């Protein structure tokens, strides 16, 4: 089974995140590596008391340019992918989505 991964990162973090994923073979598909897609997105958030924001200020709504990185992994790579993303992601509370994909028999 495959899982689609979506992770939102600041624009200046895309290269570092993608390189780290590729160096651990997470972005490999058959005879290719660096297999991923990106989309520009606009993120909105307000850090509340107790947060340690990378971007923005406590109590102030922020909107920032971000990039959504999308790629596909095998279900067996889920835990290692999640550990790596949480280790390298610059945000205190990263947005990471894991979406189960249908398979065709």
C-alpha atoms as a PDB file:
ATOM      1  CA  UNK A   1       0.000   0.000   0.000  1.00  0.00           C
ATOM      2  CA  UNK A   2       1.124   3.532  -0.745  1.00  0.00           C
ATOM      3  CA  UNK A   3       0.617   6.711   1.260  1.00  0.00           C
ATOM      4  CA  UNK A   4       0.608  10.246  -0.106  1.00  0.00           C
ATOM      5  CA  UNK A   5       2.555  12.650   2.098  1.00  0.00           C
ATOM      6  CA  UNK A   6       1.851  16.377   2.129  1.00  0.00           C
ATOM      7  CA  UNK A   7       4.099  18.628   4.187  1.00  0.00           C
ATOM      8  CA  UNK A   8       3.921  22.424   4.384  1.00  0.00           C
ATOM      9  CA  UNK A   9       7.241  24.255   4.778  1.00  0.00           C
ATOM     10  CA  UNK A  10       8.490  27.828   4.497  1.00  0.00           C
ATOM     11  CA  UNK A  11       9.791  28.640   1.025  1.00  0.00           C
ATOM     12  CA  UNK A  12      13.396  28.873   2.204  1.00  0.00           C
ATOM     13  CA  UNK A  13      13.266  25.337   3.673  1.00  0.00           C
ATOM     14  CA  UNK A  14      12.196  23.403   0.567  1.00  0.00           C
ATOM     15  CA  UNK A  15      15.685  22.482  -0.662  1.00  0.00           C
ATOM     16  CA  UNK A  16      16.886  21.309   2.755  1.00  0.00           C
ATOM     17  CA  UNK A  17      13.771  19.212   3.403  1.00  0.00           C
ATOM     18  CA  UNK A  18      13.797  17.653  -0.063  1.00  0.00           C
ATOM     19  CA  UNK A  19      17.527  16.875   0.107  1.00  0.00           C
ATOM     20  CA  UNK A  20      17.143  15.203   3.518  1.00  0.00           C
ATOM     21  CA  UNK A  21      14.231  13.092   2.255  1.00  0.00           C
ATOM     22  CA  UNK A  22      16.129  12.070  -0.873  1.00  0.00           C
ATOM     23  CA  UNK A  23      19.340  11.243   1.022  1.00  0.00           C
ATOM     24  CA  UNK A  24      17.387   8.627   2.983  1.00  0.00           C
ATOM     25  CA  UNK A  25      15.808   7.164  -0.198  1.00  0.00           C
ATOM     26  CA  UNK A  26      12.313   8.346   0.759  1.00  0.00           C
ATOM     27  CA  UNK A  27      11.852  10.125  -2.577  1.00  0.00           C
ATOM     28  CA  UNK A  28      12.845   7.097  -4.667  1.00  0.00           C
ATOM     29  CA  UNK A  29      10.343   5.616  -7.135  1.00  0.00           C
ATOM     30  CA  UNK A  30      11.724   2.772  -9.227  1.00  0.00           C
ATOM     31  CA  UNK A  31      14.743   4.022 -11.187  1.00  0.00           C
ATOM     32  CA  UNK A  32      14.215   7.660 -10.159  1.00  0.00           C
ATOM     33  CA  UNK A  33      14.988   9.755  -7.119  1.00  0.00           C
ATOM     34  CA  UNK A  34      13.905  13.274  -6.147  1.00  0.00           C
ATOM     35  CA  UNK A  35      10.325  12.310  -7.078  1.00  0.00           C
ATOM     36  CA  UNK A  36       8.083  14.993  -5.540  1.00  0.00           C
ATOM     37  CA  UNK A  37       5.773  17.865  -6.418  1.00  0.00           C
ATOM     38  CA  UNK A  38       5.473  21.358  -4.990  1.00  0.00           C
ATOM     39  CA  UNK A  39       2.720  23.949  -4.861  1.00  0.00           C
ATOM     40  CA  UNK A  40       2.869  27.454  -3.486  1.00  0.00           C
ATOM     41  CA  UNK A  41       0.375  28.024  -0.697  1.00  0.00           C
ATOM     42  CA  UNK A  42      -0.474  30.818   1.727  1.00  0.00           C
ATOM     43  CA  UNK A  43      -0.390  29.745   5.382  1.00  0.00           C
ATOM     44  CA  UNK A  44      -2.413  31.436   8.128  1.00  0.00           C
ATOM     45  CA  UNK A  45      -1.929  30.989  11.878  1.00  0.00           C
ATOM     46  CA  UNK A  46      -1.811  32.754  15.216  1.00  0.00           C
ATOM     47  CA  UNK A  47       0.677  31.589  17.834  1.00  0.00           C
ATOM     48  CA  UNK A  48      -0.958  31.477  21.265  1.00  0.00           C
ATOM     49  CA  UNK A  49       0.549  31.655  24.741  1.00  0.00           C
ATOM     50  CA  UNK A  50       3.138  28.919  25.222  1.00  0.00           C
ATOM     51  CA  UNK A  51       4.134  28.774  21.530  1.00  0.00           C
ATOM     52  CA  UNK A  52       7.694  29.312  20.356  1.00  0.00           C
ATOM     53  CA  UNK A  53       7.025  30.385  16.754  1.00  0.00           C
ATOM     54  CA  UNK A  54       9.654  30.241  14.030  1.00  0.00           C
ATOM     55  CA  UNK A  55       7.619  32.903  12.226  1.00  0.00           C
ATOM     56  CA  UNK A  56       5.147  35.395  13.667  1.00  0.00           C
ATOM     57  CA  UNK A  57       4.378  36.758  17.125  1.00  0.00           C
ATOM     58  CA  UNK A  58       2.284  35.520  20.028  1.00  0.00           C
ATOM     59  CA  UNK A  59      -1.309  36.696  19.665  1.00  0.00           C
ATOM     60  CA  UNK A  60      -0.896  38.080  16.139  1.00  0.00           C
ATOM     61  CA  UNK A  61      -2.469  36.426  13.082  1.00  0.00           C
ATOM     62  CA  UNK A  62       0.174  35.821  10.434  1.00  0.00           C
ATOM     63  CA  UNK A  63      -0.046  34.863   6.796  1.00  0.00           C
ATOM     64  CA  UNK A  64       3.099  33.673   5.062  1.00  0.00           C
ATOM     65  CA  UNK A  65       4.187  32.248   1.730  1.00  0.00           C
ATOM     66  CA  UNK A  66       4.772  28.516   2.095  1.00  0.00           C
ATOM     67  CA  UNK A  67       5.262  25.489  -0.133  1.00  0.00           C
ATOM     68  CA  UNK A  68       3.402  22.190  -0.035  1.00  0.00           C
ATOM     69  CA  UNK A  69       5.710  19.280  -0.839  1.00  0.00           C
ATOM     70  CA  UNK A  70       3.898  16.115  -1.968  1.00  0.00           C
ATOM     71  CA  UNK A  71       5.308  12.643  -2.527  1.00  0.00           C
ATOM     72  CA  UNK A  72       4.382   8.981  -2.271  1.00  0.00           C
ATOM     73  CA  UNK A  73       5.824   6.416   0.126  1.00  0.00           C
ATOM     74  CA  UNK A  74       5.266   2.775   0.908  1.00  0.00           C
ATOM     75  CA  UNK A  75       3.297   2.115   4.074  1.00  0.00           C
ATOM     76  CA  UNK A  76       6.393   0.431   5.528  1.00  0.00           C
ATOM     77  CA  UNK A  77       8.259   3.757   5.313  1.00  0.00           C
ATOM     78  CA  UNK A  78       5.663   5.742   7.272  1.00  0.00           C
ATOM     79  CA  UNK A  79       7.335   5.747  10.703  1.00  0.00           C
ATOM     80  CA  UNK A  80      10.798   6.588   9.400  1.00  0.00           C
ATOM     81  CA  UNK A  81       9.385   9.321   7.130  1.00  0.00           C
ATOM     82  CA  UNK A  82       7.466  10.864  10.035  1.00  0.00           C
ATOM     83  CA  UNK A  83      10.499  10.776  12.356  1.00  0.00           C
ATOM     84  CA  UNK A  84      12.685  12.451   9.737  1.00  0.00           C
ATOM     85  CA  UNK A  85      10.144  15.149   8.847  1.00  0.00           C
ATOM     86  CA  UNK A  86       9.579  16.061  12.507  1.00  0.00           C
ATOM     87  CA  UNK A  87      13.345  16.181  13.092  1.00  0.00           C
ATOM     88  CA  UNK A  88      14.190  18.451  10.128  1.00  0.00           C
ATOM     89  CA  UNK A  89      11.051  20.606   9.903  1.00  0.00           C
ATOM     90  CA  UNK A  90      11.662  24.217  10.993  1.00  0.00           C
ATOM     91  CA  UNK A  91       8.177  24.720  12.497  1.00  0.00           C
ATOM     92  CA  UNK A  92       7.304  23.892  16.089  1.00  0.00           C
ATOM     93  CA  UNK A  93       3.979  22.347  14.963  1.00  0.00           C
ATOM     94  CA  UNK A  94       4.465  21.148  11.373  1.00  0.00           C
ATOM     95  CA  UNK A  95       1.526  20.369   9.122  1.00  0.00           C
ATOM     96  CA  UNK A  96       2.106  16.849   7.798  1.00  0.00           C
ATOM     97  CA  UNK A  97      -0.719  14.898   6.158  1.00  0.00           C
ATOM     98  CA  UNK A  98      -0.646  11.167   5.450  1.00  0.00           C
ATOM     99  CA  UNK A  99      -3.302  10.021   3.002  1.00  0.00           C
ATOM    100  CA  UNK A 100      -3.865   6.330   2.214  1.00  0.00           C
ATOM    101  CA  UNK A 101      -3.990   5.715  -1.515  1.00  0.00           C
ATOM    102  CA  UNK A 102      -6.244   3.241  -3.274  1.00  0.00           C
ATOM    103  CA  UNK A 103      -4.558   0.460  -5.186  1.00  0.00           C
ATOM    104  CA  UNK A 104      -5.744  -0.964  -8.452  1.00  0.00           C
ATOM    105  CA  UNK A 105      -5.821  -4.750  -8.619  1.00  0.00           C
END
